[in-house]
Amino acid sequence: SIDGRRGRVRARHYVLAAGGIENARIL
């Protein structure tokens, strides 16, 4: 978060659905 908090999400499968620019950025 922008206030400095950090964490993780653990899952069996992941989907990037953040848009045409942000999907590439995350990868």
mmCIF file of all heavy atoms, coordinates in Angstrom:
data_MODEL
# 
_entry.id   MODEL 
# 
loop_
_atom_site.group_PDB 
_atom_site.id 
_atom_site.type_symbol 
_atom_site.label_atom_id 
_atom_site.label_alt_id 
_atom_site.label_comp_id 
_atom_site.label_asym_id 
_atom_site.label_entity_id 
_atom_site.label_seq_id 
_atom_site.pdbx_PDB_ins_code 
_atom_site.Cartn_x 
_atom_site.Cartn_y 
_atom_site.Cartn_z 
_atom_site.occupancy 
_atom_site.B_iso_or_equiv 
_atom_site.pdbx_formal_charge 
_atom_site.auth_seq_id 
_atom_site.auth_comp_id 
_atom_site.auth_asym_id 
_atom_site.auth_atom_id 
_atom_site.pdbx_PDB_model_num 
ATOM 1   N N   . SER A 1 1  ? 0.850  -1.189  0.000   1.00 0.00 ? 1  SER A N   1 
ATOM 2   C CA  . SER A 1 1  ? 0.000  0.000   0.000   1.00 0.00 ? 1  SER A CA  1 
ATOM 3   C C   . SER A 1 1  ? 0.885  1.239   0.000   1.00 0.00 ? 1  SER A C   1 
ATOM 4   O O   . SER A 1 1  ? 2.069  1.172   0.344   1.00 0.00 ? 1  SER A O   1 
ATOM 5   C CB  . SER A 1 1  ? -0.928 0.014   1.220   1.00 0.00 ? 1  SER A CB  1 
ATOM 6   O OG  . SER A 1 1  ? -0.171 0.067   2.417   1.00 0.00 ? 1  SER A OG  1 
ATOM 7   N N   . ILE A 1 2  ? 0.307  2.377   -0.342  1.00 0.00 ? 2  ILE A N   1 
ATOM 8   C CA  . ILE A 1 2  ? 1.115  3.582   -0.455  1.00 0.00 ? 2  ILE A CA  1 
ATOM 9   C C   . ILE A 1 2  ? 1.533  4.128   0.904   1.00 0.00 ? 2  ILE A C   1 
ATOM 10  O O   . ILE A 1 2  ? 2.353  5.038   0.968   1.00 0.00 ? 2  ILE A O   1 
ATOM 11  C CB  . ILE A 1 2  ? 0.373  4.675   -1.266  1.00 0.00 ? 2  ILE A CB  1 
ATOM 12  C CG1 . ILE A 1 2  ? -1.006 4.953   -0.677  1.00 0.00 ? 2  ILE A CG1 1 
ATOM 13  C CG2 . ILE A 1 2  ? 0.250  4.262   -2.728  1.00 0.00 ? 2  ILE A CG2 1 
ATOM 14  C CD1 . ILE A 1 2  ? -1.753 6.060   -1.391  1.00 0.00 ? 2  ILE A CD1 1 
ATOM 15  N N   . ASP A 1 3  ? 0.989  3.568   2.003   1.00 0.00 ? 3  ASP A N   1 
ATOM 16  C CA  . ASP A 1 3  ? 1.435  3.999   3.331   1.00 0.00 ? 3  ASP A CA  1 
ATOM 17  C C   . ASP A 1 3  ? 2.593  3.144   3.854   1.00 0.00 ? 3  ASP A C   1 
ATOM 18  O O   . ASP A 1 3  ? 2.977  3.252   5.013   1.00 0.00 ? 3  ASP A O   1 
ATOM 19  C CB  . ASP A 1 3  ? 0.271  4.001   4.322   1.00 0.00 ? 3  ASP A CB  1 
ATOM 20  C CG  . ASP A 1 3  ? -0.285 2.605   4.595   1.00 0.00 ? 3  ASP A CG  1 
ATOM 21  O OD1 . ASP A 1 3  ? 0.163  1.645   3.934   1.00 0.00 ? 3  ASP A OD1 1 
ATOM 22  O OD2 . ASP A 1 3  ? -1.179 2.479   5.463   1.00 0.00 ? 3  ASP A OD2 1 
ATOM 23  N N   . GLY A 1 4  ? 3.137  2.287   2.983   1.00 0.00 ? 4  GLY A N   1 
ATOM 24  C CA  . GLY A 1 4  ? 4.327  1.515   3.341   1.00 0.00 ? 4  GLY A CA  1 
ATOM 25  C C   . GLY A 1 4  ? 4.078  0.090   3.773   1.00 0.00 ? 4  GLY A C   1 
ATOM 26  O O   . GLY A 1 4  ? 5.027  -0.657  4.044   1.00 0.00 ? 4  GLY A O   1 
ATOM 27  N N   . ARG A 1 5  ? 2.849  -0.335  3.816   1.00 0.00 ? 5  ARG A N   1 
ATOM 28  C CA  . ARG A 1 5  ? 2.551  -1.705  4.234   1.00 0.00 ? 5  ARG A CA  1 
ATOM 29  C C   . ARG A 1 5  ? 2.921  -2.697  3.147   1.00 0.00 ? 5  ARG A C   1 
ATOM 30  O O   . ARG A 1 5  ? 2.745  -2.430  1.957   1.00 0.00 ? 5  ARG A O   1 
ATOM 31  C CB  . ARG A 1 5  ? 1.065  -1.813  4.549   1.00 0.00 ? 5  ARG A CB  1 
ATOM 32  C CG  . ARG A 1 5  ? 0.690  -3.118  5.225   1.00 0.00 ? 5  ARG A CG  1 
ATOM 33  C CD  . ARG A 1 5  ? -0.783 -3.101  5.555   1.00 0.00 ? 5  ARG A CD  1 
ATOM 34  N NE  . ARG A 1 5  ? -1.123 -4.192  6.430   1.00 0.00 ? 5  ARG A NE  1 
ATOM 35  C CZ  . ARG A 1 5  ? -2.365 -4.514  6.766   1.00 0.00 ? 5  ARG A CZ  1 
ATOM 36  N NH1 . ARG A 1 5  ? -3.368 -3.787  6.312   1.00 0.00 ? 5  ARG A NH1 1 
ATOM 37  N NH2 . ARG A 1 5  ? -2.602 -5.525  7.566   1.00 0.00 ? 5  ARG A NH2 1 
ATOM 38  N N   . ARG A 1 6  ? 3.441  -3.856  3.528   1.00 0.00 ? 6  ARG A N   1 
ATOM 39  C CA  . ARG A 1 6  ? 3.829  -4.886  2.576   1.00 0.00 ? 6  ARG A CA  1 
ATOM 40  C C   . ARG A 1 6  ? 3.304  -6.244  3.046   1.00 0.00 ? 6  ARG A C   1 
ATOM 41  O O   . ARG A 1 6  ? 3.185  -6.508  4.243   1.00 0.00 ? 6  ARG A O   1 
ATOM 42  C CB  . ARG A 1 6  ? 5.356  -4.962  2.422   1.00 0.00 ? 6  ARG A CB  1 
ATOM 43  C CG  . ARG A 1 6  ? 5.999  -3.659  1.932   1.00 0.00 ? 6  ARG A CG  1 
ATOM 44  C CD  . ARG A 1 6  ? 5.594  -3.356  0.497   1.00 0.00 ? 6  ARG A CD  1 
ATOM 45  N NE  . ARG A 1 6  ? 6.206  -2.149  -0.028  1.00 0.00 ? 6  ARG A NE  1 
ATOM 46  C CZ  . ARG A 1 6  ? 5.629  -0.937  -0.017  1.00 0.00 ? 6  ARG A CZ  1 
ATOM 47  N NH1 . ARG A 1 6  ? 4.402  -0.791  0.495   1.00 0.00 ? 6  ARG A NH1 1 
ATOM 48  N NH2 . ARG A 1 6  ? 6.250  0.112   -0.518  1.00 0.00 ? 6  ARG A NH2 1 
ATOM 49  N N   . GLY A 1 7  ? 2.989  -7.098  2.066   1.00 0.00 ? 7  GLY A N   1 
ATOM 50  C CA  . GLY A 1 7  ? 2.482  -8.421  2.403   1.00 0.00 ? 7  GLY A CA  1 
ATOM 51  C C   . GLY A 1 7  ? 2.523  -9.329  1.186   1.00 0.00 ? 7  GLY A C   1 
ATOM 52  O O   . GLY A 1 7  ? 3.138  -9.000  0.148   1.00 0.00 ? 7  GLY A O   1 
ATOM 53  N N   . ARG A 1 8  ? 1.875  -10.474 1.294   1.00 0.00 ? 8  ARG A N   1 
ATOM 54  C CA  . ARG A 1 8  ? 1.840  -11.444 0.193   1.00 0.00 ? 8  ARG A CA  1 
ATOM 55  C C   . ARG A 1 8  ? 0.465  -12.089 0.112   1.00 0.00 ? 8  ARG A C   1 
ATOM 56  O O   . ARG A 1 8  ? -0.245 -12.209 1.106   1.00 0.00 ? 8  ARG A O   1 
ATOM 57  C CB  . ARG A 1 8  ? 2.887  -12.547 0.397   1.00 0.00 ? 8  ARG A CB  1 
ATOM 58  C CG  . ARG A 1 8  ? 4.325  -12.140 0.114   1.00 0.00 ? 8  ARG A CG  1 
ATOM 59  C CD  . ARG A 1 8  ? 5.250  -13.348 0.270   1.00 0.00 ? 8  ARG A CD  1 
ATOM 60  N NE  . ARG A 1 8  ? 6.608  -13.032 -0.106  1.00 0.00 ? 8  ARG A NE  1 
ATOM 61  C CZ  . ARG A 1 8  ? 7.518  -12.478 0.703   1.00 0.00 ? 8  ARG A CZ  1 
ATOM 62  N NH1 . ARG A 1 8  ? 7.168  -12.168 1.953   1.00 0.00 ? 8  ARG A NH1 1 
ATOM 63  N NH2 . ARG A 1 8  ? 8.735  -12.246 0.284   1.00 0.00 ? 8  ARG A NH2 1 
ATOM 64  N N   . VAL A 1 9  ? 0.137  -12.523 -1.088  1.00 0.00 ? 9  VAL A N   1 
ATOM 65  C CA  . VAL A 1 9  ? -1.004 -13.399 -1.317  1.00 0.00 ? 9  VAL A CA  1 
ATOM 66  C C   . VAL A 1 9  ? -0.453 -14.684 -1.917  1.00 0.00 ? 9  VAL A C   1 
ATOM 67  O O   . VAL A 1 9  ? 0.241  -14.647 -2.942  1.00 0.00 ? 9  VAL A O   1 
ATOM 68  C CB  . VAL A 1 9  ? -2.038 -12.775 -2.276  1.00 0.00 ? 9  VAL A CB  1 
ATOM 69  C CG1 . VAL A 1 9  ? -3.205 -13.739 -2.499  1.00 0.00 ? 9  VAL A CG1 1 
ATOM 70  C CG2 . VAL A 1 9  ? -2.550 -11.448 -1.742  1.00 0.00 ? 9  VAL A CG2 1 
ATOM 71  N N   . ARG A 1 10 ? -0.750 -15.797 -1.266  1.00 0.00 ? 10 ARG A N   1 
ATOM 72  C CA  . ARG A 1 10 ? -0.331 -17.111 -1.781  1.00 0.00 ? 10 ARG A CA  1 
ATOM 73  C C   . ARG A 1 10 ? -1.563 -17.828 -2.295  1.00 0.00 ? 10 ARG A C   1 
ATOM 74  O O   . ARG A 1 10 ? -2.587 -17.904 -1.614  1.00 0.00 ? 10 ARG A O   1 
ATOM 75  C CB  . ARG A 1 10 ? 0.361  -17.912 -0.685  1.00 0.00 ? 10 ARG A CB  1 
ATOM 76  C CG  . ARG A 1 10 ? 1.705  -17.335 -0.280  1.00 0.00 ? 10 ARG A CG  1 
ATOM 77  C CD  . ARG A 1 10 ? 2.387  -18.185 0.794   1.00 0.00 ? 10 ARG A CD  1 
ATOM 78  N NE  . ARG A 1 10 ? 3.740  -17.722 1.068   1.00 0.00 ? 10 ARG A NE  1 
ATOM 79  C CZ  . ARG A 1 10 ? 4.035  -16.731 1.904   1.00 0.00 ? 10 ARG A CZ  1 
ATOM 80  N NH1 . ARG A 1 10 ? 3.052  -16.117 2.568   1.00 0.00 ? 10 ARG A NH1 1 
ATOM 81  N NH2 . ARG A 1 10 ? 5.290  -16.359 2.104   1.00 0.00 ? 10 ARG A NH2 1 
ATOM 82  N N   . ALA A 1 11 ? -1.450 -18.379 -3.493  1.00 0.00 ? 11 ALA A N   1 
ATOM 83  C CA  . ALA A 1 11 ? -2.594 -19.034 -4.128  1.00 0.00 ? 11 ALA A CA  1 
ATOM 84  C C   . ALA A 1 11 ? -2.106 -20.193 -4.980  1.00 0.00 ? 11 ALA A C   1 
ATOM 85  O O   . ALA A 1 11 ? -0.899 -20.361 -5.214  1.00 0.00 ? 11 ALA A O   1 
ATOM 86  C CB  . ALA A 1 11 ? -3.373 -18.036 -4.977  1.00 0.00 ? 11 ALA A CB  1 
ATOM 87  N N   . ARG A 1 12 ? -3.058 -20.982 -5.459  1.00 0.00 ? 12 ARG A N   1 
ATOM 88  C CA  . ARG A 1 12 ? -2.713 -22.090 -6.356  1.00 0.00 ? 12 ARG A CA  1 
ATOM 89  C C   . ARG A 1 12 ? -2.590 -21.613 -7.794  1.00 0.00 ? 12 ARG A C   1 
ATOM 90  O O   . ARG A 1 12 ? -1.746 -22.090 -8.544  1.00 0.00 ? 12 ARG A O   1 
ATOM 91  C CB  . ARG A 1 12 ? -3.782 -23.183 -6.238  1.00 0.00 ? 12 ARG A CB  1 
ATOM 92  C CG  . ARG A 1 12 ? -3.802 -23.866 -4.875  1.00 0.00 ? 12 ARG A CG  1 
ATOM 93  C CD  . ARG A 1 12 ? -5.127 -24.574 -4.628  1.00 0.00 ? 12 ARG A CD  1 
ATOM 94  N NE  . ARG A 1 12 ? -5.383 -25.609 -5.611  1.00 0.00 ? 12 ARG A NE  1 
ATOM 95  C CZ  . ARG A 1 12 ? -6.572 -26.200 -5.771  1.00 0.00 ? 12 ARG A CZ  1 
ATOM 96  N NH1 . ARG A 1 12 ? -7.609 -25.821 -5.023  1.00 0.00 ? 12 ARG A NH1 1 
ATOM 97  N NH2 . ARG A 1 12 ? -6.732 -27.134 -6.683  1.00 0.00 ? 12 ARG A NH2 1 
ATOM 98  N N   . HIS A 1 13 ? -3.434 -20.675 -8.169  1.00 0.00 ? 13 HIS A N   1 
ATOM 99  C CA  . HIS A 1 13 ? -3.377 -20.079 -9.503  1.00 0.00 ? 13 HIS A CA  1 
ATOM 100 C C   . HIS A 1 13 ? -3.528 -18.567 -9.392  1.00 0.00 ? 13 HIS A C   1 
ATOM 101 O O   . HIS A 1 13 ? -4.165 -18.054 -8.463  1.00 0.00 ? 13 HIS A O   1 
ATOM 102 C CB  . HIS A 1 13 ? -4.473 -20.650 -10.408 1.00 0.00 ? 13 HIS A CB  1 
ATOM 103 C CG  . HIS A 1 13 ? -4.152 -22.021 -10.932 1.00 0.00 ? 13 HIS A CG  1 
ATOM 104 N ND1 . HIS A 1 13 ? -3.524 -22.226 -12.143 1.00 0.00 ? 13 HIS A ND1 1 
ATOM 105 C CD2 . HIS A 1 13 ? -4.355 -23.244 -10.390 1.00 0.00 ? 13 HIS A CD2 1 
ATOM 106 C CE1 . HIS A 1 13 ? -3.361 -23.525 -12.329 1.00 0.00 ? 13 HIS A CE1 1 
ATOM 107 N NE2 . HIS A 1 13 ? -3.855 -24.172 -11.298 1.00 0.00 ? 13 HIS A NE2 1 
ATOM 108 N N   . TYR A 1 14 ? -2.922 -17.881 -10.387 1.00 0.00 ? 14 TYR A N   1 
ATOM 109 C CA  . TYR A 1 14 ? -2.905 -16.416 -10.403 1.00 0.00 ? 14 TYR A CA  1 
ATOM 110 C C   . TYR A 1 14 ? -3.378 -15.919 -11.764 1.00 0.00 ? 14 TYR A C   1 
ATOM 111 O O   . TYR A 1 14 ? -3.064 -16.528 -12.800 1.00 0.00 ? 14 TYR A O   1 
ATOM 112 C CB  . TYR A 1 14 ? -1.489 -15.886 -10.139 1.00 0.00 ? 14 TYR A CB  1 
ATOM 113 C CG  . TYR A 1 14 ? -0.909 -16.304 -8.803  1.00 0.00 ? 14 TYR A CG  1 
ATOM 114 C CD1 . TYR A 1 14 ? -0.355 -17.580 -8.625  1.00 0.00 ? 14 TYR A CD1 1 
ATOM 115 C CD2 . TYR A 1 14 ? -0.919 -15.428 -7.712  1.00 0.00 ? 14 TYR A CD2 1 
ATOM 116 C CE1 . TYR A 1 14 ? 0.166  -17.967 -7.403  1.00 0.00 ? 14 TYR A CE1 1 
ATOM 117 C CE2 . TYR A 1 14 ? -0.387 -15.801 -6.490  1.00 0.00 ? 14 TYR A CE2 1 
ATOM 118 C CZ  . TYR A 1 14 ? 0.145  -17.071 -6.333  1.00 0.00 ? 14 TYR A CZ  1 
ATOM 119 O OH  . TYR A 1 14 ? 0.673  -17.452 -5.121  1.00 0.00 ? 14 TYR A OH  1 
ATOM 120 N N   . VAL A 1 15 ? -4.098 -14.804 -11.757 1.00 0.00 ? 15 VAL A N   1 
ATOM 121 C CA  . VAL A 1 15 ? -4.552 -14.165 -12.994 1.00 0.00 ? 15 VAL A CA  1 
ATOM 122 C C   . VAL A 1 15 ? -4.178 -12.690 -12.945 1.00 0.00 ? 15 VAL A C   1 
ATOM 123 O O   . VAL A 1 15 ? -4.494 -11.998 -11.968 1.00 0.00 ? 15 VAL A O   1 
ATOM 124 C CB  . VAL A 1 15 ? -6.076 -14.281 -13.188 1.00 0.00 ? 15 VAL A CB  1 
ATOM 125 C CG1 . VAL A 1 15 ? -6.512 -13.550 -14.454 1.00 0.00 ? 15 VAL A CG1 1 
ATOM 126 C CG2 . VAL A 1 15 ? -6.510 -15.737 -13.250 1.00 0.00 ? 15 VAL A CG2 1 
ATOM 127 N N   . LEU A 1 16 ? -3.514 -12.211 -13.986 1.00 0.00 ? 16 LEU A N   1 
ATOM 128 C CA  . LEU A 1 16 ? -3.289 -10.784 -14.150 1.00 0.00 ? 16 LEU A CA  1 
ATOM 129 C C   . LEU A 1 16 ? -4.424 -10.226 -15.004 1.00 0.00 ? 16 LEU A C   1 
ATOM 130 O O   . LEU A 1 16 ? -4.596 -10.624 -16.156 1.00 0.00 ? 16 LEU A O   1 
ATOM 131 C CB  . LEU A 1 16 ? -1.945 -10.516 -14.831 1.00 0.00 ? 16 LEU A CB  1 
ATOM 132 C CG  . LEU A 1 16 ? -0.695 -10.976 -14.082 1.00 0.00 ? 16 LEU A CG  1 
ATOM 133 C CD1 . LEU A 1 16 ? 0.559  -10.593 -14.862 1.00 0.00 ? 16 LEU A CD1 1 
ATOM 134 C CD2 . LEU A 1 16 ? -0.638 -10.396 -12.674 1.00 0.00 ? 16 LEU A CD2 1 
ATOM 135 N N   . ALA A 1 17 ? -5.195 -9.319  -14.425 1.00 0.00 ? 17 ALA A N   1 
ATOM 136 C CA  . ALA A 1 17 ? -6.320 -8.698  -15.127 1.00 0.00 ? 17 ALA A CA  1 
ATOM 137 C C   . ALA A 1 17 ? -6.290 -7.199  -14.865 1.00 0.00 ? 17 ALA A C   1 
ATOM 138 O O   . ALA A 1 17 ? -7.298 -6.579  -14.558 1.00 0.00 ? 17 ALA A O   1 
ATOM 139 C CB  . ALA A 1 17 ? -7.639 -9.307  -14.653 1.00 0.00 ? 17 ALA A CB  1 
ATOM 140 N N   . ALA A 1 18 ? -5.090 -6.619  -15.003 1.00 0.00 ? 18 ALA A N   1 
ATOM 141 C CA  . ALA A 1 18 ? -4.853 -5.233  -14.592 1.00 0.00 ? 18 ALA A CA  1 
ATOM 142 C C   . ALA A 1 18 ? -4.806 -4.255  -15.754 1.00 0.00 ? 18 ALA A C   1 
ATOM 143 O O   . ALA A 1 18 ? -4.458 -3.092  -15.557 1.00 0.00 ? 18 ALA A O   1 
ATOM 144 C CB  . ALA A 1 18 ? -3.556 -5.154  -13.787 1.00 0.00 ? 18 ALA A CB  1 
ATOM 145 N N   . GLY A 1 19 ? -5.118 -4.708  -16.971 1.00 0.00 ? 19 GLY A N   1 
ATOM 146 C CA  . GLY A 1 19 ? -5.138 -3.797  -18.116 1.00 0.00 ? 19 GLY A CA  1 
ATOM 147 C C   . GLY A 1 19 ? -3.969 -3.994  -19.055 1.00 0.00 ? 19 GLY A C   1 
ATOM 148 O O   . GLY A 1 19 ? -2.967 -4.635  -18.725 1.00 0.00 ? 19 GLY A O   1 
ATOM 149 N N   . GLY A 1 20 ? -4.095 -3.415  -20.248 1.00 0.00 ? 20 GLY A N   1 
ATOM 150 C CA  . GLY A 1 20 ? -3.129 -3.648  -21.320 1.00 0.00 ? 20 GLY A CA  1 
ATOM 151 C C   . GLY A 1 20 ? -1.737 -3.137  -21.037 1.00 0.00 ? 20 GLY A C   1 
ATOM 152 O O   . GLY A 1 20 ? -0.763 -3.649  -21.606 1.00 0.00 ? 20 GLY A O   1 
ATOM 153 N N   . ILE A 1 21 ? -1.596 -2.135  -20.181 1.00 0.00 ? 21 ILE A N   1 
ATOM 154 C CA  . ILE A 1 21 ? -0.270 -1.627  -19.824 1.00 0.00 ? 21 ILE A CA  1 
ATOM 155 C C   . ILE A 1 21 ? 0.236  -2.304  -18.558 1.00 0.00 ? 21 ILE A C   1 
ATOM 156 O O   . ILE A 1 21 ? 1.370  -2.772  -18.483 1.00 0.00 ? 21 ILE A O   1 
ATOM 157 C CB  . ILE A 1 21 ? -0.316 -0.096  -19.648 1.00 0.00 ? 21 ILE A CB  1 
ATOM 158 C CG1 . ILE A 1 21 ? -0.608 0.584   -20.983 1.00 0.00 ? 21 ILE A CG1 1 
ATOM 159 C CG2 . ILE A 1 21 ? 0.995  0.419   -19.057 1.00 0.00 ? 21 ILE A CG2 1 
ATOM 160 C CD1 . ILE A 1 21 ? -0.745 2.097   -20.901 1.00 0.00 ? 21 ILE A CD1 1 
ATOM 161 N N   . GLU A 1 22 ? -0.625 -2.384  -17.535 1.00 0.00 ? 22 GLU A N   1 
ATOM 162 C CA  . GLU A 1 22 ? -0.180 -2.866  -16.225 1.00 0.00 ? 22 GLU A CA  1 
ATOM 163 C C   . GLU A 1 22 ? 0.096  -4.360  -16.217 1.00 0.00 ? 22 GLU A C   1 
ATOM 164 O O   . GLU A 1 22 ? 0.979  -4.828  -15.467 1.00 0.00 ? 22 GLU A O   1 
ATOM 165 C CB  . GLU A 1 22 ? -1.220 -2.506  -15.168 1.00 0.00 ? 22 GLU A CB  1 
ATOM 166 C CG  . GLU A 1 22 ? -0.651 -2.292  -13.784 1.00 0.00 ? 22 GLU A CG  1 
ATOM 167 C CD  . GLU A 1 22 ? 0.231  -1.060  -13.658 1.00 0.00 ? 22 GLU A CD  1 
ATOM 168 O OE1 . GLU A 1 22 ? 0.299  -0.254  -14.616 1.00 0.00 ? 22 GLU A OE1 1 
ATOM 169 O OE2 . GLU A 1 22 ? 0.857  -0.899  -12.595 1.00 0.00 ? 22 GLU A OE2 1 
ATOM 170 N N   . ASN A 1 23 ? -0.609 -5.158  -17.013 1.00 0.00 ? 23 ASN A N   1 
ATOM 171 C CA  . ASN A 1 23 ? -0.286 -6.589  -17.083 1.00 0.00 ? 23 ASN A CA  1 
ATOM 172 C C   . ASN A 1 23 ? 1.163  -6.796  -17.487 1.00 0.00 ? 23 ASN A C   1 
ATOM 173 O O   . ASN A 1 23 ? 1.895  -7.598  -16.889 1.00 0.00 ? 23 ASN A O   1 
ATOM 174 C CB  . ASN A 1 23 ? -1.198 -7.289  -18.089 1.00 0.00 ? 23 ASN A CB  1 
ATOM 175 C CG  . ASN A 1 23 ? -2.593 -7.548  -17.545 1.00 0.00 ? 23 ASN A CG  1 
ATOM 176 O OD1 . ASN A 1 23 ? -2.834 -7.436  -16.340 1.00 0.00 ? 23 ASN A OD1 1 
ATOM 177 N ND2 . ASN A 1 23 ? -3.519 -7.904  -18.425 1.00 0.00 ? 23 ASN A ND2 1 
ATOM 178 N N   . ALA A 1 24 ? 1.597  -6.077  -18.512 1.00 0.00 ? 24 ALA A N   1 
ATOM 179 C CA  . ALA A 1 24 ? 2.989  -6.187  -18.958 1.00 0.00 ? 24 ALA A CA  1 
ATOM 180 C C   . ALA A 1 24 ? 3.941  -5.652  -17.902 1.00 0.00 ? 24 ALA A C   1 
ATOM 181 O O   . ALA A 1 24 ? 5.007  -6.244  -17.645 1.00 0.00 ? 24 ALA A O   1 
ATOM 182 C CB  . ALA A 1 24 ? 3.173  -5.417  -20.271 1.00 0.00 ? 24 ALA A CB  1 
ATOM 183 N N   . ARG A 1 25 ? 3.572  -4.560  -17.266 1.00 0.00 ? 25 ARG A N   1 
ATOM 184 C CA  . ARG A 1 25 ? 4.451  -3.975  -16.251 1.00 0.00 ? 25 ARG A CA  1 
ATOM 185 C C   . ARG A 1 25 ? 4.707  -4.947  -15.104 1.00 0.00 ? 25 ARG A C   1 
ATOM 186 O O   . ARG A 1 25 ? 5.844  -5.099  -14.635 1.00 0.00 ? 25 ARG A O   1 
ATOM 187 C CB  . ARG A 1 25 ? 3.823  -2.685  -15.705 1.00 0.00 ? 25 ARG A CB  1 
ATOM 188 C CG  . ARG A 1 25 ? 4.705  -1.950  -14.695 1.00 0.00 ? 25 ARG A CG  1 
ATOM 189 C CD  . ARG A 1 25 ? 3.945  -0.847  -14.001 1.00 0.00 ? 25 ARG A CD  1 
ATOM 190 N NE  . ARG A 1 25 ? 4.777  -0.064  -13.115 1.00 0.00 ? 25 ARG A NE  1 
ATOM 191 C CZ  . ARG A 1 25 ? 4.322  0.672   -12.112 1.00 0.00 ? 25 ARG A CZ  1 
ATOM 192 N NH1 . ARG A 1 25 ? 3.015  0.723   -11.875 1.00 0.00 ? 25 ARG A NH1 1 
ATOM 193 N NH2 . ARG A 1 25 ? 5.147  1.357   -11.346 1.00 0.00 ? 25 ARG A NH2 1 
ATOM 194 N N   . ILE A 1 26 ? 3.656  -5.619  -14.633 1.00 0.00 ? 26 ILE A N   1 
ATOM 195 C CA  . ILE A 1 26 ? 3.816  -6.554  -13.512 1.00 0.00 ? 26 ILE A CA  1 
ATOM 196 C C   . ILE A 1 26 ? 4.736  -7.707  -13.903 1.00 0.00 ? 26 ILE A C   1 
ATOM 197 O O   . ILE A 1 26 ? 5.598  -8.131  -13.121 1.00 0.00 ? 26 ILE A O   1 
ATOM 198 C CB  . ILE A 1 26 ? 2.441  -7.069  -13.047 1.00 0.00 ? 26 ILE A CB  1 
ATOM 199 C CG1 . ILE A 1 26 ? 1.629  -5.911  -12.440 1.00 0.00 ? 26 ILE A CG1 1 
ATOM 200 C CG2 . ILE A 1 26 ? 2.597  -8.187  -12.020 1.00 0.00 ? 26 ILE A CG2 1 
ATOM 201 C CD1 . ILE A 1 26 ? 0.164  -6.242  -12.210 1.00 0.00 ? 26 ILE A CD1 1 
ATOM 202 N N   . LEU A 1 27 ? 4.581  -8.236  -15.105 1.00 0.00 ? 27 LEU A N   1 
ATOM 203 C CA  . LEU A 1 27 ? 5.467  -9.311  -15.561 1.00 0.00 ? 27 LEU A CA  1 
ATOM 204 C C   . LEU A 1 27 ? 6.916  -8.830  -15.649 1.00 0.00 ? 27 LEU A C   1 
ATOM 205 O O   . LEU A 1 27 ? 7.847  -9.539  -15.248 1.00 0.00 ? 27 LEU A O   1 
ATOM 206 C CB  . LEU A 1 27 ? 5.003  -9.840  -16.911 1.00 0.00 ? 27 LEU A CB  1 
ATOM 207 C CG  . LEU A 1 27 ? 3.690  -10.633 -16.920 1.00 0.00 ? 27 LEU A CG  1 
ATOM 208 C CD1 . LEU A 1 27 ? 3.275  -10.954 -18.347 1.00 0.00 ? 27 LEU A CD1 1 
ATOM 209 C CD2 . LEU A 1 27 ? 3.820  -11.912 -16.102 1.00 0.00 ? 27 LEU A CD2 1 
# 
